[in-house]
Amino acid sequence: MTPIKILLLSMPLVWYVNLWLGFVFDIGLSEDVIGEEAGNLPLSANHHKSL
């Protein structure tokens, strides 16, 4: 597998883990992490398309 495919496959996993941690611990910081991940996804997708 190419590194790009691995990255694309791991992104949802990271997002779900952050979401799960937010539910389990109910920490405000986890919401900020989820927001950053969601904000980075479109940028990453556009970057991969340009390649």
N, C-alpha and C. Protein backbone atom coordinates (compact mmCIF):
# COMPACT_ATOMS: atom_id res chain seq x y z
N MET A 1 0.84 -1.20 0.00
CA MET A 1 0.00 0.00 0.00
C MET A 1 0.88 1.26 0.00
N THR A 2 0.40 2.25 -0.70
CA THR A 2 1.15 3.51 -0.74
C THR A 2 0.91 4.29 0.53
N PRO A 3 1.85 5.15 0.92
CA PRO A 3 1.67 5.96 2.13
C PRO A 3 0.41 6.81 2.08
N ILE A 4 0.04 7.29 0.89
CA ILE A 4 -1.16 8.14 0.77
C ILE A 4 -2.40 7.33 1.12
N LYS A 5 -2.48 6.09 0.63
CA LYS A 5 -3.64 5.24 0.94
C LYS A 5 -3.71 4.96 2.43
N ILE A 6 -2.57 4.71 3.04
CA ILE A 6 -2.53 4.45 4.48
C ILE A 6 -3.03 5.68 5.24
N LEU A 7 -2.60 6.86 4.81
CA LEU A 7 -3.04 8.09 5.46
C LEU A 7 -4.54 8.26 5.35
N LEU A 8 -5.08 8.05 4.14
CA LEU A 8 -6.52 8.23 3.92
C LEU A 8 -7.33 7.24 4.75
N LEU A 9 -6.81 6.01 4.90
CA LEU A 9 -7.53 5.00 5.66
C LEU A 9 -7.45 5.27 7.16
N SER A 10 -6.34 5.90 7.61
CA SER A 10 -6.17 6.12 9.04
C SER A 10 -6.91 7.37 9.52
N MET A 11 -7.22 8.30 8.62
CA MET A 11 -7.89 9.53 9.04
C MET A 11 -9.22 9.28 9.75
N PRO A 12 -10.13 8.48 9.17
CA PRO A 12 -11.40 8.23 9.87
C PRO A 12 -11.18 7.55 11.22
N LEU A 13 -10.20 6.66 11.29
CA LEU A 13 -9.91 5.98 12.55
C LEU A 13 -9.52 6.98 13.62
N VAL A 14 -8.65 7.93 13.27
CA VAL A 14 -8.22 8.96 14.22
C VAL A 14 -9.42 9.78 14.67
N TRP A 15 -10.30 10.12 13.72
CA TRP A 15 -11.47 10.94 14.04
C TRP A 15 -12.40 10.20 14.98
N TYR A 16 -12.63 8.91 14.70
CA TYR A 16 -13.52 8.13 15.56
C TYR A 16 -12.94 7.95 16.95
N VAL A 17 -11.64 7.76 17.04
CA VAL A 17 -11.00 7.62 18.35
C VAL A 17 -11.17 8.91 19.15
N ASN A 18 -10.96 10.06 18.50
CA ASN A 18 -11.12 11.35 19.18
C ASN A 18 -12.57 11.52 19.64
N LEU A 19 -13.51 11.14 18.78
CA LEU A 19 -14.93 11.26 19.12
C LEU A 19 -15.26 10.36 20.30
N TRP A 20 -14.75 9.12 20.27
CA TRP A 20 -15.00 8.16 21.35
C TRP A 20 -14.42 8.68 22.67
N LEU A 21 -13.20 9.20 22.62
CA LEU A 21 -12.57 9.74 23.83
C LEU A 21 -13.41 10.90 24.37
N GLY A 22 -13.96 11.70 23.47
CA GLY A 22 -14.79 12.82 23.90
C GLY A 22 -16.03 12.34 24.65
N PHE A 23 -16.62 11.24 24.17
CA PHE A 23 -17.82 10.71 24.85
C PHE A 23 -17.45 10.07 26.18
N VAL A 24 -16.34 9.34 26.20
CA VAL A 24 -15.97 8.59 27.40
C VAL A 24 -15.53 9.53 28.52
N PHE A 25 -14.68 10.48 28.19
CA PHE A 25 -14.11 11.35 29.22
C PHE A 25 -14.82 12.69 29.33
N ASP A 26 -15.57 13.05 28.27
CA ASP A 26 -16.31 14.31 28.26
C ASP A 26 -15.40 15.49 28.59
N ILE A 27 -14.25 15.52 27.90
CA ILE A 27 -13.28 16.59 28.12
C ILE A 27 -13.43 17.64 27.02
N GLY A 28 -13.41 18.90 27.36
CA GLY A 28 -13.55 19.96 26.37
C GLY A 28 -12.42 19.94 25.35
N LEU A 29 -11.24 19.51 25.77
CA LEU A 29 -10.10 19.48 24.86
C LEU A 29 -10.34 18.53 23.69
N SER A 30 -11.01 17.42 23.94
CA SER A 30 -11.25 16.44 22.88
C SER A 30 -12.11 17.06 21.77
N GLU A 31 -13.03 17.96 22.14
CA GLU A 31 -13.85 18.62 21.14
C GLU A 31 -12.99 19.50 20.24
N ASP A 32 -12.00 20.16 20.83
CA ASP A 32 -11.09 20.98 20.04
C ASP A 32 -10.29 20.11 19.08
N VAL A 33 -9.88 18.94 19.53
CA VAL A 33 -9.12 18.02 18.67
C VAL A 33 -9.98 17.57 17.49
N ILE A 34 -11.25 17.22 17.78
CA ILE A 34 -12.16 16.79 16.71
C ILE A 34 -12.35 17.93 15.71
N GLY A 35 -12.49 19.15 16.20
CA GLY A 35 -12.67 20.29 15.32
C GLY A 35 -11.47 20.48 14.41
N GLU A 36 -10.27 20.31 14.97
CA GLU A 36 -9.06 20.45 14.17
C GLU A 36 -8.97 19.36 13.12
N GLU A 37 -9.30 18.12 13.51
CA GLU A 37 -9.26 17.01 12.55
C GLU A 37 -10.25 17.24 11.42
N ALA A 38 -11.47 17.65 11.77
CA ALA A 38 -12.50 17.89 10.75
C ALA A 38 -12.07 19.03 9.83
N GLY A 39 -11.41 20.04 10.41
CA GLY A 39 -10.97 21.18 9.62
C GLY A 39 -9.83 20.81 8.67
N ASN A 40 -9.04 19.81 9.06
CA ASN A 40 -7.89 19.42 8.23
C ASN A 40 -8.28 18.47 7.10
N LEU A 41 -9.40 17.75 7.25
CA LEU A 41 -9.77 16.74 6.25
C LEU A 41 -9.93 17.33 4.85
N PRO A 42 -10.69 18.42 4.66
CA PRO A 42 -10.84 18.96 3.30
C PRO A 42 -9.50 19.40 2.72
N LEU A 43 -8.65 19.99 3.54
CA LEU A 43 -7.34 20.44 3.05
C LEU A 43 -6.52 19.24 2.60
N SER A 44 -6.54 18.17 3.39
CA SER A 44 -5.78 16.98 3.03
C SER A 44 -6.32 16.36 1.75
N ALA A 45 -7.65 16.29 1.62
CA ALA A 45 -8.26 15.70 0.43
C ALA A 45 -7.87 16.51 -0.81
N ASN A 46 -7.92 17.83 -0.71
CA ASN A 46 -7.55 18.67 -1.85
C ASN A 46 -6.07 18.49 -2.18
N HIS A 47 -5.26 18.36 -1.16
CA HIS A 47 -3.82 18.19 -1.37
C HIS A 47 -3.54 16.88 -2.12
N HIS A 48 -4.23 15.81 -1.71
CA HIS A 48 -4.01 14.51 -2.36
C HIS A 48 -4.52 14.53 -3.80
N LYS A 49 -5.64 15.25 -4.04
CA LYS A 49 -6.16 15.33 -5.40
C LYS A 49 -5.18 16.06 -6.32
N SER A 50 -4.53 17.09 -5.79
CA SER A 50 -3.60 17.86 -6.62
C SER A 50 -2.37 17.03 -7.00
N LEU A 51 -2.04 16.03 -6.16
CA LEU A 51 -0.90 15.16 -6.48
C LEU A 51 -1.27 14.24 -7.63
